[in-house]
Amino acid sequence: MAVSDYLGTKSEEEEEEYFARDENSGDNAKNYNLHPITKTTPRGAAAVTFVSFIAAGVLPVTPYIVLGSEGGAFGASVWATAVSLFVIGSLRTIATHKNWFWSGFEMLLIGGIAAIIAYTTGAIIGGIVA
């Protein structure tokens, strides 16, 4: 959740920075069909976060549903997660107007590190409890 908050805040800052530039403000922004930053309500933000977490949470689980616990589901799950992190990071550029590849790579790297930490923590706790 902290990683999600970090990336969301960073994206908002990049979007604000983009619209603050002289060449993309005012009438010029209207010419490019760009919309000024709008603030959302807490309920709206919560709803978007809820739906996003459900949608993103289904991706790593799907290989286990399709393949079962045996048969390479773990590897498929890792790949599905990696691809989805990269795609979601690349899509951030719609708001941030940064380079799509580096934005996707940043999301993949940060999300990958968070996943490794979560997996390692679970393995350690599982070893202690077992």
Protein backbone atom coordinates (compact mmCIF):
# COMPACT_ATOMS: atom_id res chain seq x y z
CA MET A 1 0.00 0.00 0.00
CA ALA A 2 2.87 2.35 0.73
CA VAL A 3 4.32 1.68 -2.72
CA SER A 4 0.94 2.41 -4.30
CA ASP A 5 0.68 5.65 -2.33
CA TYR A 6 4.22 6.64 -3.36
CA LEU A 7 3.60 6.02 -7.06
CA GLY A 8 0.21 7.76 -6.97
CA THR A 9 1.61 10.84 -5.27
CA LYS A 10 4.55 10.91 -7.67
CA SER A 11 2.19 10.70 -10.65
CA GLU A 12 0.11 13.58 -9.30
CA GLU A 13 3.22 15.71 -8.85
CA GLU A 14 4.37 14.94 -12.40
CA GLU A 15 0.93 15.83 -13.77
CA GLU A 16 0.88 19.13 -11.85
CA GLU A 17 4.40 19.88 -13.09
CA TYR A 18 3.33 19.19 -16.67
CA PHE A 19 0.36 21.56 -16.52
CA ALA A 20 2.40 24.22 -14.72
CA ARG A 21 4.74 24.62 -17.70
CA ASP A 22 4.09 27.72 -19.77
CA GLU A 23 3.90 25.89 -23.09
CA ASN A 24 1.11 23.62 -21.87
CA SER A 25 -1.05 25.99 -19.87
CA GLY A 26 -4.18 27.98 -20.53
CA ASP A 27 -5.46 28.13 -24.08
CA ASN A 28 -2.66 25.93 -25.38
CA ALA A 29 -3.83 23.08 -23.14
CA LYS A 30 -7.32 23.42 -24.64
CA ASN A 31 -5.85 23.13 -28.14
CA TYR A 32 -4.35 19.76 -27.25
CA ASN A 33 -7.57 18.60 -25.56
CA LEU A 34 -5.75 18.44 -22.23
CA HIS A 35 -7.78 18.83 -19.09
CA PRO A 36 -6.65 20.66 -15.98
CA ILE A 37 -6.05 18.66 -12.85
CA THR A 38 -9.24 17.87 -11.02
CA LYS A 39 -9.43 16.89 -7.42
CA THR A 40 -11.55 13.90 -6.56
CA THR A 41 -13.66 13.19 -3.52
CA PRO A 42 -12.41 10.77 -0.87
CA ARG A 43 -15.21 8.33 -1.76
CA GLY A 44 -14.32 8.53 -5.45
CA ALA A 45 -10.65 7.91 -4.70
CA ALA A 46 -11.57 4.99 -2.44
CA ALA A 47 -13.80 3.46 -5.12
CA VAL A 48 -11.11 3.75 -7.80
CA THR A 49 -8.51 2.26 -5.45
CA PHE A 50 -10.84 -0.61 -4.50
CA VAL A 51 -11.61 -1.52 -8.11
CA SER A 52 -7.94 -1.16 -9.10
CA PHE A 53 -6.75 -3.43 -6.30
CA ILE A 54 -9.38 -6.05 -7.17
CA ALA A 55 -8.48 -5.94 -10.88
CA ALA A 56 -4.74 -6.05 -10.20
CA GLY A 57 -5.17 -8.74 -7.54
CA VAL A 58 -6.93 -11.09 -9.95
CA LEU A 59 -3.97 -11.19 -12.36
CA PRO A 60 -1.50 -13.12 -10.17
CA VAL A 61 -4.23 -15.53 -9.03
CA THR A 62 -5.54 -16.38 -12.51
CA PRO A 63 -2.72 -18.83 -13.42
CA TYR A 64 -3.51 -20.83 -10.27
CA ILE A 65 -7.19 -20.96 -11.24
CA VAL A 66 -6.37 -22.04 -14.80
CA LEU A 67 -3.34 -24.29 -14.18
CA GLY A 68 -3.88 -25.41 -10.60
CA SER A 69 -1.18 -25.29 -7.95
CA GLU A 70 1.04 -27.56 -10.03
CA GLY A 71 2.04 -27.09 -13.63
CA GLY A 72 3.98 -23.84 -13.65
CA ALA A 73 1.36 -21.60 -12.09
CA PHE A 74 3.96 -19.78 -9.96
CA GLY A 75 6.08 -18.82 -12.97
CA ALA A 76 3.02 -17.79 -14.97
CA SER A 77 1.84 -15.73 -12.01
CA VAL A 78 5.19 -13.93 -11.77
CA TRP A 79 5.12 -13.15 -15.50
CA ALA A 80 1.48 -11.99 -15.41
CA THR A 81 2.29 -9.70 -12.50
CA ALA A 82 5.43 -8.31 -14.17
CA VAL A 83 3.64 -7.60 -17.44
CA SER A 84 0.69 -5.97 -15.68
CA LEU A 85 2.99 -3.77 -13.57
CA PHE A 86 4.83 -2.62 -16.70
CA VAL A 87 1.59 -1.94 -18.61
CA ILE A 88 0.02 -0.05 -15.70
CA GLY A 89 3.21 1.99 -15.31
CA SER A 90 3.21 2.77 -19.01
CA LEU A 91 -0.42 3.87 -18.85
CA ARG A 92 0.49 6.38 -16.13
CA THR A 93 2.01 8.48 -18.91
CA ILE A 94 -1.51 9.44 -20.00
CA ALA A 95 -1.55 11.73 -16.96
CA THR A 96 2.15 12.39 -16.42
CA HIS A 97 3.31 12.80 -20.05
CA LYS A 98 6.63 11.16 -19.21
CA ASN A 99 8.44 8.53 -21.29
CA TRP A 100 6.20 5.43 -21.40
CA PHE A 101 9.06 2.94 -21.23
CA TRP A 102 10.75 4.45 -18.18
CA SER A 103 7.44 4.95 -16.42
CA GLY A 104 6.59 1.29 -17.01
CA PHE A 105 10.05 0.20 -15.90
CA GLU A 106 9.80 2.29 -12.72
CA MET A 107 6.47 0.66 -11.83
CA LEU A 108 7.87 -2.80 -12.59
CA LEU A 109 10.99 -2.17 -10.48
CA ILE A 110 9.20 -0.69 -7.47
CA GLY A 111 6.35 -3.21 -7.64
CA GLY A 112 8.84 -6.05 -8.07
CA ILE A 113 10.79 -4.98 -5.01
CA ALA A 114 7.55 -4.75 -3.01
CA ALA A 115 6.54 -8.23 -4.21
CA ILE A 116 9.92 -9.70 -3.25
CA ILE A 117 9.70 -8.14 0.21
CA ALA A 118 6.13 -9.44 0.68
CA TYR A 119 7.05 -12.95 -0.51
CA THR A 120 10.16 -13.08 1.67
CA THR A 121 8.25 -11.84 4.71
CA GLY A 122 5.57 -14.49 4.14
CA ALA A 123 8.19 -17.22 3.76
CA ILE A 124 9.96 -16.17 6.97
CA ILE A 125 6.74 -15.99 8.97
CA GLY A 126 5.58 -19.28 7.44
CA GLY A 127 8.85 -20.89 8.52
CA ILE A 128 8.51 -19.58 12.05
CA VAL A 129 4.89 -20.67 12.42
CA ALA A 130 5.38 -24.11 10.84
